[in-house]
Amino acid sequence: MQKELYLRILDQFPNPIWRSGLDAKCDYFNSAWLAFTGRKIEEEMGDGWVKGVHPDDLNPCVKTYLDSFKARKPFEMEYRLKHNDGTYHWLLDSGSPFFDDSNNFMGYIGSCYDINEVKKHMTEIEEMNRYMTDRELKMVKMKKQITDLENKLNQQK
């Protein structure tokens, strides 16, 4: 009964949650994961979920996961996963090993947060910083040129 309650809680959690077993293959995805990806659970099970990872992020994503799994250490990583609307969204994925009552390793559980808007705003801020830095460098250069001209004029007097 209590196990069913916890599975219902996980299934109703508002953020995507996944779980893997001893073989490092995923054996659970909650409703939020399935709603996010727009895929059926059968498509995600095992290694099926990697089909949604952006090609540029696939190797580092899988490497981080497998290295952490072998070491049985928690991890946190960012990668892009295909959203149900066909676009890729940046996710922050946090995974951690879990253990049974006898402290036997049972696999991993993880939760994801859609950080797409944060990444978008960070990119905008970085672009603004580059613009401001460039502008500041131009102002410093102009000030030096003005100072050089003033020095020349003073020398001619």
N, C-alpha and C. Protein backbone atom coordinates (compact mmCIF):
# COMPACT_ATOMS: atom_id res chain seq x y z
N MET A 1 0.82 -1.20 0.00
CA MET A 1 0.00 0.00 0.00
C MET A 1 0.87 1.27 0.00
N GLN A 2 1.89 1.30 0.87
CA GLN A 2 2.75 2.48 0.95
C GLN A 2 3.53 2.66 -0.35
N LYS A 3 3.99 1.56 -0.96
CA LYS A 3 4.73 1.65 -2.22
C LYS A 3 3.85 2.26 -3.30
N GLU A 4 2.58 1.86 -3.34
CA GLU A 4 1.65 2.42 -4.33
C GLU A 4 1.45 3.92 -4.10
N LEU A 5 1.40 4.33 -2.83
CA LEU A 5 1.25 5.75 -2.51
C LEU A 5 2.44 6.54 -3.04
N TYR A 6 3.65 6.04 -2.81
CA TYR A 6 4.83 6.73 -3.28
C TYR A 6 4.89 6.80 -4.81
N LEU A 7 4.49 5.75 -5.47
CA LEU A 7 4.45 5.77 -6.94
C LEU A 7 3.43 6.78 -7.45
N ARG A 8 2.29 6.89 -6.77
CA ARG A 8 1.29 7.90 -7.15
C ARG A 8 1.84 9.30 -6.93
N ILE A 9 2.54 9.49 -5.81
CA ILE A 9 3.13 10.81 -5.53
C ILE A 9 4.13 11.17 -6.62
N LEU A 10 5.02 10.23 -6.95
CA LEU A 10 6.00 10.47 -8.01
C LEU A 10 5.31 10.75 -9.35
N ASP A 11 4.27 9.99 -9.63
CA ASP A 11 3.58 10.16 -10.90
C ASP A 11 2.90 11.52 -11.00
N GLN A 12 2.45 12.05 -9.88
CA GLN A 12 1.76 13.34 -9.88
C GLN A 12 2.69 14.52 -9.65
N PHE A 13 3.97 14.25 -9.42
CA PHE A 13 4.93 15.33 -9.22
C PHE A 13 4.96 16.20 -10.47
N PRO A 14 5.02 17.52 -10.33
CA PRO A 14 4.90 18.40 -11.51
C PRO A 14 6.11 18.43 -12.44
N ASN A 15 7.23 17.91 -12.01
CA ASN A 15 8.43 17.90 -12.85
C ASN A 15 8.73 16.49 -13.32
N PRO A 16 9.40 16.38 -14.48
CA PRO A 16 9.76 15.05 -15.00
C PRO A 16 10.65 14.28 -14.02
N ILE A 17 10.28 13.02 -13.80
CA ILE A 17 11.05 12.12 -12.93
C ILE A 17 11.29 10.83 -13.69
N TRP A 18 12.48 10.26 -13.51
CA TRP A 18 12.84 8.99 -14.13
C TRP A 18 13.52 8.10 -13.09
N ARG A 19 13.57 6.83 -13.41
CA ARG A 19 14.25 5.87 -12.54
C ARG A 19 14.90 4.81 -13.41
N SER A 20 16.05 4.32 -12.96
CA SER A 20 16.71 3.21 -13.65
C SER A 20 17.01 2.10 -12.65
N GLY A 21 17.16 0.90 -13.19
CA GLY A 21 17.46 -0.26 -12.36
C GLY A 21 18.94 -0.56 -12.32
N LEU A 22 19.26 -1.75 -11.88
CA LEU A 22 20.65 -2.18 -11.72
C LEU A 22 21.41 -2.24 -13.05
N ASP A 23 20.70 -2.34 -14.15
CA ASP A 23 21.32 -2.42 -15.47
C ASP A 23 21.55 -1.04 -16.11
N ALA A 24 21.26 0.02 -15.37
CA ALA A 24 21.40 1.42 -15.82
C ALA A 24 20.35 1.80 -16.87
N LYS A 25 19.41 0.91 -17.16
CA LYS A 25 18.34 1.19 -18.12
C LYS A 25 17.14 1.79 -17.37
N CYS A 26 16.50 2.75 -17.99
CA CYS A 26 15.36 3.39 -17.34
C CYS A 26 14.14 2.47 -17.35
N ASP A 27 13.51 2.39 -16.18
CA ASP A 27 12.35 1.52 -16.03
C ASP A 27 11.12 2.26 -15.49
N TYR A 28 11.22 3.58 -15.38
CA TYR A 28 10.08 4.37 -14.90
C TYR A 28 10.22 5.81 -15.38
N PHE A 29 9.12 6.38 -15.83
CA PHE A 29 9.00 7.80 -16.15
C PHE A 29 7.64 8.26 -15.64
N ASN A 30 7.60 9.39 -14.95
CA ASN A 30 6.32 9.85 -14.44
C ASN A 30 5.51 10.56 -15.53
N SER A 31 4.30 10.92 -15.18
CA SER A 31 3.39 11.56 -16.14
C SER A 31 3.96 12.88 -16.67
N ALA A 32 4.66 13.63 -15.81
CA ALA A 32 5.23 14.91 -16.25
C ALA A 32 6.29 14.69 -17.33
N TRP A 33 7.09 13.62 -17.20
CA TRP A 33 8.09 13.31 -18.24
C TRP A 33 7.39 13.02 -19.56
N LEU A 34 6.38 12.17 -19.49
CA LEU A 34 5.67 11.76 -20.70
C LEU A 34 4.93 12.95 -21.34
N ALA A 35 4.37 13.82 -20.51
CA ALA A 35 3.70 15.02 -21.04
C ALA A 35 4.73 15.95 -21.68
N PHE A 36 5.90 16.08 -21.06
CA PHE A 36 6.95 16.95 -21.60
C PHE A 36 7.41 16.46 -22.97
N THR A 37 7.70 15.17 -23.07
CA THR A 37 8.23 14.63 -24.33
C THR A 37 7.14 14.34 -25.35
N GLY A 38 5.91 14.10 -24.88
CA GLY A 38 4.83 13.73 -25.79
C GLY A 38 4.98 12.30 -26.32
N ARG A 39 5.80 11.52 -25.65
CA ARG A 39 6.04 10.14 -26.09
C ARG A 39 5.38 9.17 -25.12
N LYS A 40 5.19 7.95 -25.58
CA LYS A 40 4.60 6.89 -24.76
C LYS A 40 5.69 6.27 -23.90
N ILE A 41 5.27 5.73 -22.78
CA ILE A 41 6.25 5.13 -21.86
C ILE A 41 7.05 4.02 -22.53
N GLU A 42 6.41 3.26 -23.43
CA GLU A 42 7.11 2.18 -24.12
C GLU A 42 8.26 2.72 -24.98
N GLU A 43 8.10 3.93 -25.48
CA GLU A 43 9.15 4.54 -26.31
C GLU A 43 10.34 5.02 -25.47
N GLU A 44 10.09 5.35 -24.23
CA GLU A 44 11.12 5.91 -23.35
C GLU A 44 11.91 4.85 -22.60
N MET A 45 11.28 3.71 -22.36
CA MET A 45 11.87 2.68 -21.50
C MET A 45 13.23 2.22 -22.01
N GLY A 46 14.03 1.69 -21.09
CA GLY A 46 15.37 1.24 -21.42
C GLY A 46 16.23 2.43 -21.81
N ASP A 47 16.75 2.41 -23.02
CA ASP A 47 17.54 3.52 -23.53
C ASP A 47 16.75 4.38 -24.52
N GLY A 48 15.45 4.13 -24.65
CA GLY A 48 14.62 4.85 -25.61
C GLY A 48 14.61 6.34 -25.39
N TRP A 49 14.73 6.78 -24.15
CA TRP A 49 14.69 8.20 -23.83
C TRP A 49 15.79 8.99 -24.52
N VAL A 50 16.95 8.33 -24.82
CA VAL A 50 18.06 9.07 -25.42
C VAL A 50 17.73 9.55 -26.83
N LYS A 51 16.72 8.98 -27.46
CA LYS A 51 16.33 9.45 -28.80
C LYS A 51 15.84 10.90 -28.77
N GLY A 52 15.42 11.36 -27.60
CA GLY A 52 14.96 12.73 -27.47
C GLY A 52 16.05 13.73 -27.12
N VAL A 53 17.24 13.24 -26.78
CA VAL A 53 18.34 14.14 -26.41
C VAL A 53 18.92 14.77 -27.67
N HIS A 54 19.19 16.06 -27.59
CA HIS A 54 19.78 16.78 -28.73
C HIS A 54 21.08 16.09 -29.13
N PRO A 55 21.30 15.91 -30.45
CA PRO A 55 22.51 15.21 -30.91
C PRO A 55 23.82 15.79 -30.35
N ASP A 56 23.89 17.11 -30.19
CA ASP A 56 25.12 17.73 -29.66
C ASP A 56 25.34 17.42 -28.19
N ASP A 57 24.28 17.06 -27.49
CA ASP A 57 24.37 16.82 -26.05
C ASP A 57 24.40 15.33 -25.70
N LEU A 58 24.13 14.49 -26.68
CA LEU A 58 23.95 13.06 -26.42
C LEU A 58 25.17 12.41 -25.76
N ASN A 59 26.34 12.51 -26.36
CA ASN A 59 27.52 11.84 -25.80
C ASN A 59 27.87 12.33 -24.40
N PRO A 60 27.95 13.67 -24.18
CA PRO A 60 28.27 14.10 -22.81
C PRO A 60 27.19 13.71 -21.80
N CYS A 61 25.93 13.73 -22.21
CA CYS A 61 24.83 13.36 -21.33
C CYS A 61 24.95 11.89 -20.91
N VAL A 62 25.11 11.01 -21.86
CA VAL A 62 25.21 9.58 -21.56
C VAL A 62 26.47 9.29 -20.77
N LYS A 63 27.57 9.95 -21.10
CA LYS A 63 28.83 9.73 -20.37
C LYS A 63 28.68 10.14 -18.91
N THR A 64 28.11 11.31 -18.66
CA THR A 64 27.90 11.77 -17.28
C THR A 64 27.06 10.77 -16.51
N TYR A 65 25.98 10.33 -17.13
CA TYR A 65 25.09 9.38 -16.47
C TYR A 65 25.82 8.06 -16.17
N LEU A 66 26.46 7.48 -17.17
CA LEU A 66 27.10 6.17 -16.98
C LEU A 66 28.29 6.25 -16.02
N ASP A 67 29.09 7.31 -16.11
CA ASP A 67 30.21 7.47 -15.18
C ASP A 67 29.71 7.59 -13.74
N SER A 68 28.65 8.37 -13.56
CA SER A 68 28.07 8.53 -12.22
C SER A 68 27.47 7.21 -11.73
N PHE A 69 26.80 6.51 -12.64
CA PHE A 69 26.19 5.23 -12.30
C PHE A 69 27.25 4.25 -11.82
N LYS A 70 28.35 4.14 -12.56
CA LYS A 70 29.43 3.21 -12.17
C LYS A 70 30.03 3.59 -10.82
N ALA A 71 30.18 4.88 -10.58
CA ALA A 71 30.76 5.36 -9.32
C ALA A 71 29.72 5.44 -8.20
N ARG A 72 28.44 5.29 -8.58
CA ARG A 72 27.33 5.41 -7.62
C ARG A 72 27.37 6.74 -6.87
N LYS A 73 27.56 7.77 -7.67
CA LYS A 73 27.62 9.14 -7.16
C LYS A 73 26.49 9.97 -7.77
N PRO A 74 25.96 10.92 -7.01
CA PRO A 74 24.96 11.83 -7.58
C PRO A 74 25.56 12.65 -8.72
N PHE A 75 24.71 13.11 -9.61
CA PHE A 75 25.16 13.98 -10.70
C PHE A 75 24.14 15.06 -10.95
N GLU A 76 24.61 16.08 -11.63
CA GLU A 76 23.75 17.15 -12.11
C GLU A 76 24.29 17.54 -13.47
N MET A 77 23.42 17.62 -14.44
CA MET A 77 23.87 18.00 -15.79
C MET A 77 22.76 18.75 -16.51
N GLU A 78 23.19 19.50 -17.52
CA GLU A 78 22.26 20.21 -18.38
C GLU A 78 22.36 19.62 -19.77
N TYR A 79 21.21 19.42 -20.39
CA TYR A 79 21.17 18.95 -21.78
C TYR A 79 19.83 19.35 -22.37
N ARG A 80 19.76 19.27 -23.69
CA ARG A 80 18.52 19.61 -24.37
C ARG A 80 17.75 18.32 -24.68
N LEU A 81 16.46 18.36 -24.39
CA LEU A 81 15.58 17.23 -24.65
C LEU A 81 14.42 17.72 -25.50
N LYS A 82 14.03 16.90 -26.47
CA LYS A 82 12.95 17.29 -27.37
C LYS A 82 11.64 17.38 -26.60
N HIS A 83 11.01 18.54 -26.71
CA HIS A 83 9.73 18.82 -26.07
C HIS A 83 8.60 18.31 -26.97
N ASN A 84 7.42 18.19 -26.42
CA ASN A 84 6.29 17.69 -27.20
C ASN A 84 5.89 18.60 -28.36
N ASP A 85 6.37 19.85 -28.35
CA ASP A 85 6.07 20.75 -29.47
C ASP A 85 7.11 20.67 -30.59
N GLY A 86 8.09 19.76 -30.43
CA GLY A 86 9.10 19.56 -31.46
C GLY A 86 10.38 20.37 -31.27
N THR A 87 10.36 21.33 -30.34
CA THR A 87 11.57 22.12 -30.06
C THR A 87 12.37 21.42 -28.95
N TYR A 88 13.61 21.82 -28.83
CA TYR A 88 14.45 21.30 -27.75
C TYR A 88 14.43 22.30 -26.60
N HIS A 89 14.28 21.77 -25.40
CA HIS A 89 14.32 22.59 -24.19
C HIS A 89 15.52 22.16 -23.35
N TRP A 90 16.17 23.15 -22.76
CA TRP A 90 17.25 22.83 -21.83
C TRP A 90 16.66 22.31 -20.52
N LEU A 91 17.22 21.20 -20.05
CA LEU A 91 16.83 20.63 -18.76
C LEU A 91 18.02 20.62 -17.82
N LEU A 92 17.72 20.79 -16.55
CA LEU A 92 18.68 20.51 -15.49
C LEU A 92 18.24 19.19 -14.90
N ASP A 93 19.07 18.17 -15.05
CA ASP A 93 18.74 16.81 -14.62
C ASP A 93 19.63 16.46 -13.43
N SER A 94 19.00 16.13 -12.31
CA SER A 94 19.72 15.72 -11.11
C SER A 94 19.39 14.27 -10.83
N GLY A 95 20.42 13.44 -10.75
CA GLY A 95 20.22 12.02 -10.49
C GLY A 95 20.99 11.59 -9.26
N SER A 96 20.47 10.56 -8.62
CA SER A 96 21.10 10.08 -7.40
C SER A 96 20.87 8.58 -7.26
N PRO A 97 21.88 7.85 -6.76
CA PRO A 97 21.65 6.43 -6.51
C PRO A 97 20.63 6.25 -5.39
N PHE A 98 19.86 5.16 -5.47
CA PHE A 98 18.97 4.86 -4.35
C PHE A 98 19.23 3.43 -3.89
N PHE A 99 18.90 3.19 -2.63
CA PHE A 99 19.24 1.94 -1.95
C PHE A 99 18.01 1.39 -1.24
N ASP A 100 17.97 0.08 -1.06
CA ASP A 100 16.86 -0.54 -0.34
C ASP A 100 17.10 -0.43 1.17
N ASP A 101 16.21 -1.02 1.96
CA ASP A 101 16.31 -0.94 3.42
C ASP A 101 17.58 -1.58 3.97
N SER A 102 18.17 -2.51 3.21
CA SER A 102 19.41 -3.17 3.64
C SER A 102 20.64 -2.48 3.05
N ASN A 103 20.45 -1.30 2.48
CA ASN A 103 21.52 -0.51 1.88
C ASN A 103 22.13 -1.15 0.63
N ASN A 104 21.34 -1.94 -0.07
CA ASN A 104 21.76 -2.51 -1.35
C ASN A 104 21.43 -1.51 -2.45
N PHE A 105 22.40 -1.28 -3.32
CA PHE A 105 22.20 -0.38 -4.46
C PHE A 105 21.10 -0.94 -5.35
N MET A 106 20.13 -0.07 -5.71
CA MET A 106 18.98 -0.50 -6.50
C MET A 106 18.90 0.19 -7.87
N GLY A 107 19.68 1.24 -8.06
CA GLY A 107 19.63 1.98 -9.31
C GLY A 107 19.70 3.48 -9.06
N TYR A 108 19.12 4.23 -9.96
CA TYR A 108 19.14 5.69 -9.88
C TYR A 108 17.73 6.24 -9.99
N ILE A 109 17.56 7.41 -9.40
CA ILE A 109 16.33 8.16 -9.58
C ILE A 109 16.73 9.61 -9.87
N GLY A 110 15.98 10.24 -10.73
CA GLY A 110 16.33 11.60 -11.08
C GLY A 110 15.11 12.45 -11.37
N SER A 111 15.32 13.75 -11.26
CA SER A 111 14.27 14.70 -11.58
C SER A 111 14.86 15.79 -12.47
N CYS A 112 14.01 16.34 -13.30
CA CYS A 112 14.44 17.34 -14.28
C CYS A 112 13.65 18.63 -14.11
N TYR A 113 14.32 19.72 -14.42
CA TYR A 113 13.69 21.02 -14.38
C TYR A 113 13.93 21.70 -15.73
N ASP A 114 12.88 22.22 -16.31
CA ASP A 114 12.97 22.92 -17.59
C ASP A 114 13.59 24.28 -17.32
N ILE A 115 14.82 24.47 -17.78
CA ILE A 115 15.54 25.73 -17.57
C ILE A 115 15.69 26.50 -18.89
N ASN A 116 14.84 26.19 -19.83
CA ASN A 116 14.95 26.81 -21.16
C ASN A 116 14.87 28.33 -21.09
N GLU A 117 13.93 28.86 -20.34
CA GLU A 117 13.77 30.31 -20.25
C GLU A 117 14.98 30.94 -19.55
N VAL A 118 15.50 30.26 -18.53
CA VAL A 118 16.68 30.76 -17.83
C VAL A 118 17.86 30.84 -18.80
N LYS A 119 18.06 29.76 -19.58
CA LYS A 119 19.15 29.73 -20.55
C LYS A 119 18.99 30.85 -21.58
N LYS A 120 17.74 31.06 -22.03
CA LYS A 120 17.48 32.11 -23.01
C LYS A 120 17.85 33.48 -22.45
N HIS A 121 17.45 33.73 -21.20
CA HIS A 121 17.76 35.02 -20.59
C HIS A 121 19.26 35.16 -20.30
N MET A 122 19.91 34.06 -19.96
CA MET A 122 21.36 34.11 -19.74
C MET A 122 22.07 34.46 -21.05
N THR A 123 21.61 33.91 -22.15
CA THR A 123 22.19 34.24 -23.46
C THR A 123 22.00 35.72 -23.76
N GLU A 124 20.81 36.24 -23.47
CA GLU A 124 20.55 37.66 -23.70
C GLU A 124 21.46 38.54 -22.83
N ILE A 125 21.65 38.12 -21.58
CA ILE A 125 22.52 38.88 -20.68
C ILE A 125 23.97 38.83 -21.17
N GLU A 126 24.41 37.66 -21.61
CA GLU A 126 25.77 37.53 -22.14
C GLU A 126 25.97 38.41 -23.36
N GLU A 127 24.98 38.46 -24.25
CA GLU A 127 25.07 39.33 -25.43
C GLU A 127 25.13 40.80 -25.02
N MET A 128 24.34 41.17 -24.04
CA MET A 128 24.34 42.55 -23.55
C MET A 128 25.68 42.88 -22.91
N ASN A 129 26.24 41.94 -22.16
CA ASN A 129 27.56 42.16 -21.55
C ASN A 129 28.64 42.35 -22.61
N ARG A 130 28.58 41.53 -23.67
CA ARG A 130 29.55 41.68 -24.76
C ARG A 130 29.41 43.06 -25.41
N TYR A 131 28.18 43.47 -25.64
CA TYR A 131 27.92 44.78 -26.23
C TYR A 131 28.47 45.89 -25.34
N MET A 132 28.18 45.80 -24.04
CA MET A 132 28.61 46.84 -23.10
C MET A 132 30.14 46.85 -22.98
N THR A 133 30.76 45.68 -22.97
CA THR A 133 32.23 45.61 -22.90
C THR A 133 32.84 46.24 -24.14
N ASP A 134 32.28 45.90 -25.30
CA ASP A 134 32.78 46.47 -26.56
C ASP A 134 32.62 47.98 -26.55
N ARG A 135 31.47 48.45 -26.08
CA ARG A 135 31.20 49.88 -26.01
C ARG A 135 32.19 50.57 -25.06
N GLU A 136 32.44 49.95 -23.93
CA GLU A 136 33.37 50.51 -22.94
C GLU A 136 34.79 50.58 -23.52
N LEU A 137 35.20 49.53 -24.23
CA LEU A 137 36.53 49.53 -24.86
C LEU A 137 36.65 50.64 -25.89
N LYS A 138 35.59 50.86 -26.66
CA LYS A 138 35.59 51.94 -27.65
C LYS A 138 35.69 53.30 -26.96
N MET A 139 35.00 53.45 -25.84
CA MET A 139 35.05 54.71 -25.09
C MET A 139 36.46 54.96 -24.54
N VAL A 140 37.10 53.92 -24.04
CA VAL A 140 38.48 54.06 -23.52
C VAL A 140 39.41 54.46 -24.66
N LYS A 141 39.25 53.84 -25.82
CA LYS A 141 40.07 54.16 -26.99
C LYS A 141 39.85 55.61 -27.42
N MET A 142 38.58 56.03 -27.44
CA MET A 142 38.27 57.42 -27.82
C MET A 142 38.86 58.41 -26.82
N LYS A 143 38.79 58.06 -25.53
CA LYS A 143 39.34 58.96 -24.51
C LYS A 143 40.85 59.10 -24.69
N LYS A 144 41.52 57.99 -25.00
CA LYS A 144 42.97 58.04 -25.25
C LYS A 144 43.27 58.91 -26.46
N GLN A 145 42.49 58.77 -27.51
CA GLN A 145 42.70 59.58 -28.71
C GLN A 145 42.51 61.07 -28.40
N ILE A 146 41.50 61.39 -27.60
CA ILE A 146 41.25 62.79 -27.22
C ILE A 146 42.42 63.31 -26.38
N THR A 147 42.87 62.51 -25.44
CA THR A 147 44.01 62.91 -24.60
C THR A 147 45.25 63.13 -25.44
N ASP A 148 45.50 62.24 -26.41
CA ASP A 148 46.65 62.39 -27.31
C ASP A 148 46.54 63.68 -28.11
N LEU A 149 45.35 63.99 -28.62
CA LEU A 149 45.14 65.23 -29.37
C LEU A 149 45.36 66.46 -28.49
N GLU A 150 44.85 66.41 -27.27
CA GLU A 150 45.04 67.53 -26.34
C GLU A 150 46.52 67.74 -26.06
N ASN A 151 47.25 66.65 -25.88
CA ASN A 151 48.69 66.75 -25.63
C ASN A 151 49.42 67.38 -26.81
N LYS A 152 49.05 66.98 -28.02
CA LYS A 152 49.66 67.54 -29.23
C LYS A 152 49.38 69.04 -29.33
N LEU A 153 48.13 69.40 -29.05
CA LEU A 153 47.75 70.82 -29.11
C LEU A 153 48.51 71.65 -28.07
N ASN A 154 48.66 71.10 -26.90
CA ASN A 154 49.38 71.80 -25.83
C ASN A 154 50.86 71.95 -26.17
N GLN A 155 51.41 70.96 -26.87
CA GLN A 155 52.81 71.02 -27.26
C GLN A 155 53.04 72.08 -28.34
N GLN A 156 52.05 72.32 -29.18
CA GLN A 156 52.18 73.30 -30.26
C GLN A 156 52.07 74.72 -29.75
N LYS A 157 51.54 74.94 -28.59
CA LYS A 157 51.37 76.31 -28.06
C LYS A 157 52.65 76.92 -27.61
